Amino acid sequence: MMTRERLLRKFLDARRAEPFRPSLSDCAMFAADWIEELTGTDPAAQWRGQYRTLEEGRALLLADGFASPAEVLASILLPDAGWMQAQAGDVVVLIEAGDEAMGIVGGGHIHVLRPLRGLGAVPLNRAVRIYRP
């Protein structure tokens, strides 16, 4: 049986060269892909491929009653106790360039997918909410 850490490493390796593309490979889809990997259910299926810019994506979420991608997470996952209890593979919400973004815990850091820079990492203490899929 593959551990969650090994599964995460395999998941990240498959995305290292993937460019940032709204609705296909952005921070929300990055988190949704990971949740689907773990659960078999795509929480972003209805929005996948439906927007060309992040602003369009936010407008679609608003039309569906969600103020942000983080609200989608809150509707499907239970919040964890906080970043001190975070485990590899937990999904987090953080603030990136003034907006909510999502990433995946990888030890003492958060794996993030950024425009222009692709896959990267930020310190775990940047998490404002943590969820365990």
Protein backbone atom coordinates (compact mmCIF):
# COMPACT_ATOMS: atom_id res chain seq x y z
CA MET A 1 0.00 0.00 0.00
CA MET A 2 1.29 3.44 -0.94
CA THR A 3 1.60 5.92 1.94
CA ARG A 4 0.05 9.35 1.65
CA GLU A 5 3.55 10.91 1.50
CA ARG A 6 4.60 8.68 -1.40
CA LEU A 7 1.34 9.30 -3.19
CA LEU A 8 1.89 13.05 -2.77
CA ARG A 9 5.42 12.81 -4.12
CA LYS A 10 4.15 10.92 -7.18
CA PHE A 11 1.36 13.48 -7.64
CA LEU A 12 3.82 16.40 -7.46
CA ASP A 13 6.35 14.75 -9.77
CA ALA A 14 3.64 14.44 -12.42
CA ARG A 15 2.97 18.20 -12.20
CA ARG A 16 6.46 19.68 -12.04
CA ALA A 17 6.51 20.80 -15.67
CA GLU A 18 2.81 21.63 -15.90
CA PRO A 19 2.21 25.30 -16.72
CA PHE A 20 -0.28 27.44 -14.82
CA ARG A 21 -3.53 27.59 -16.82
CA PRO A 22 -6.77 28.93 -15.37
CA SER A 23 -9.49 26.26 -15.02
CA LEU A 24 -7.08 23.46 -15.95
CA SER A 25 -3.99 23.90 -13.82
CA ASP A 26 -4.37 26.71 -11.27
CA CYS A 27 -4.19 26.59 -7.47
CA ALA A 28 -7.85 25.56 -7.13
CA MET A 29 -7.52 22.77 -9.70
CA PHE A 30 -4.21 21.70 -8.13
CA ALA A 31 -5.99 21.19 -4.79
CA ALA A 32 -9.03 19.62 -6.48
CA ASP A 33 -6.81 17.18 -8.39
CA TRP A 34 -5.18 16.13 -5.12
CA ILE A 35 -8.55 15.67 -3.41
CA GLU A 36 -9.69 13.57 -6.37
CA GLU A 37 -6.49 11.51 -6.15
CA LEU A 38 -7.30 10.70 -2.51
CA THR A 39 -11.08 10.37 -2.65
CA GLY A 40 -11.99 9.51 -6.23
CA THR A 41 -14.33 12.51 -6.42
CA ASP A 42 -13.50 15.73 -8.31
CA PRO A 43 -14.79 18.67 -6.22
CA ALA A 44 -14.18 21.05 -9.13
CA ALA A 45 -15.76 19.04 -11.94
CA GLN A 46 -18.45 21.64 -12.71
CA TRP A 47 -15.89 24.45 -13.12
CA ARG A 48 -13.06 22.54 -14.81
CA GLY A 49 -12.33 24.05 -18.23
CA GLN A 50 -15.06 26.67 -17.82
CA TYR A 51 -13.02 29.86 -17.31
CA ARG A 52 -10.07 31.56 -19.04
CA THR A 53 -9.02 33.92 -16.26
CA LEU A 54 -9.02 33.70 -12.48
CA GLU A 55 -11.51 36.57 -12.41
CA GLU A 56 -13.91 34.55 -14.59
CA GLY A 57 -13.44 31.61 -12.24
CA ARG A 58 -14.33 33.74 -9.22
CA ALA A 59 -17.44 34.99 -11.05
CA LEU A 60 -18.53 31.38 -11.73
CA LEU A 61 -18.08 30.52 -8.06
CA LEU A 62 -20.09 33.56 -7.02
CA ALA A 63 -22.88 32.57 -9.39
CA ASP A 64 -22.92 29.16 -7.68
CA GLY A 65 -23.07 30.71 -4.20
CA PHE A 66 -19.40 30.50 -3.20
CA ALA A 67 -17.43 33.65 -2.31
CA SER A 68 -14.10 31.92 -3.00
CA PRO A 69 -12.49 28.56 -3.80
CA ALA A 70 -11.84 28.23 -0.06
CA GLU A 71 -15.60 28.17 0.54
CA VAL A 72 -15.83 25.19 -1.78
CA LEU A 73 -13.23 23.41 0.38
CA ALA A 74 -15.13 24.32 3.54
CA SER A 75 -18.30 22.82 2.05
CA ILE A 76 -16.73 19.41 1.35
CA LEU A 77 -13.91 18.95 3.90
CA LEU A 78 -13.68 19.21 7.66
CA PRO A 79 -11.24 21.79 9.00
CA ASP A 80 -8.23 20.45 10.86
CA ALA A 81 -7.06 21.84 14.21
CA GLY A 82 -4.42 24.17 12.74
CA TRP A 83 -1.02 24.31 11.13
CA MET A 84 0.74 22.82 14.15
CA GLN A 85 -1.19 19.58 13.50
CA ALA A 86 -0.89 19.69 9.71
CA GLN A 87 0.13 16.48 7.98
CA ALA A 88 1.55 15.85 4.54
CA GLY A 89 -1.28 15.90 2.03
CA ASP A 90 -3.57 18.26 3.94
CA VAL A 91 -5.09 20.99 1.75
CA VAL A 92 -4.58 24.57 2.88
CA VAL A 93 -5.85 28.03 2.15
CA LEU A 94 -3.27 30.81 2.19
CA ILE A 95 -3.11 34.40 1.05
CA GLU A 96 -1.01 34.87 -2.08
CA ALA A 97 -0.70 38.32 -3.68
CA GLY A 98 -3.72 39.52 -1.69
CA ASP A 99 -6.04 36.70 -2.80
CA GLU A 100 -6.96 33.36 -1.33
CA ALA A 101 -4.98 30.52 -2.85
CA MET A 102 -4.76 26.81 -2.17
CA GLY A 103 -1.88 24.47 -1.68
CA ILE A 104 -0.93 21.09 -0.28
CA VAL A 105 1.07 20.47 2.89
CA GLY A 106 4.37 18.74 2.32
CA GLY A 107 6.00 18.61 5.76
CA GLY A 108 7.04 22.03 7.03
CA HIS A 109 6.00 23.77 3.82
CA ILE A 110 3.08 24.18 1.45
CA HIS A 111 3.32 23.10 -2.19
CA VAL A 112 1.76 25.81 -4.35
CA LEU A 113 1.15 26.32 -8.06
CA ARG A 114 1.89 29.89 -9.16
CA PRO A 115 1.44 31.81 -12.41
CA LEU A 116 4.73 32.13 -14.30
CA ARG A 117 6.72 30.22 -11.65
CA GLY A 118 4.82 26.93 -11.59
CA LEU A 119 5.24 24.51 -8.72
CA GLY A 120 6.90 25.99 -5.66
CA ALA A 121 6.79 26.03 -1.88
CA VAL A 122 6.05 28.51 0.89
CA PRO A 123 6.40 28.12 4.68
CA LEU A 124 3.64 26.20 6.44
CA ASN A 125 2.90 29.13 8.75
CA ARG A 126 1.38 30.94 5.73
CA ALA A 127 -1.68 28.66 6.02
CA VAL A 128 -4.82 30.43 7.21
CA ARG A 129 -7.04 27.29 7.08
CA ILE A 130 -6.17 23.62 6.85
CA TYR A 131 -8.38 20.75 5.70
CA ARG A 132 -7.76 17.02 5.73
CA PRO A 133 -9.14 15.17 2.71
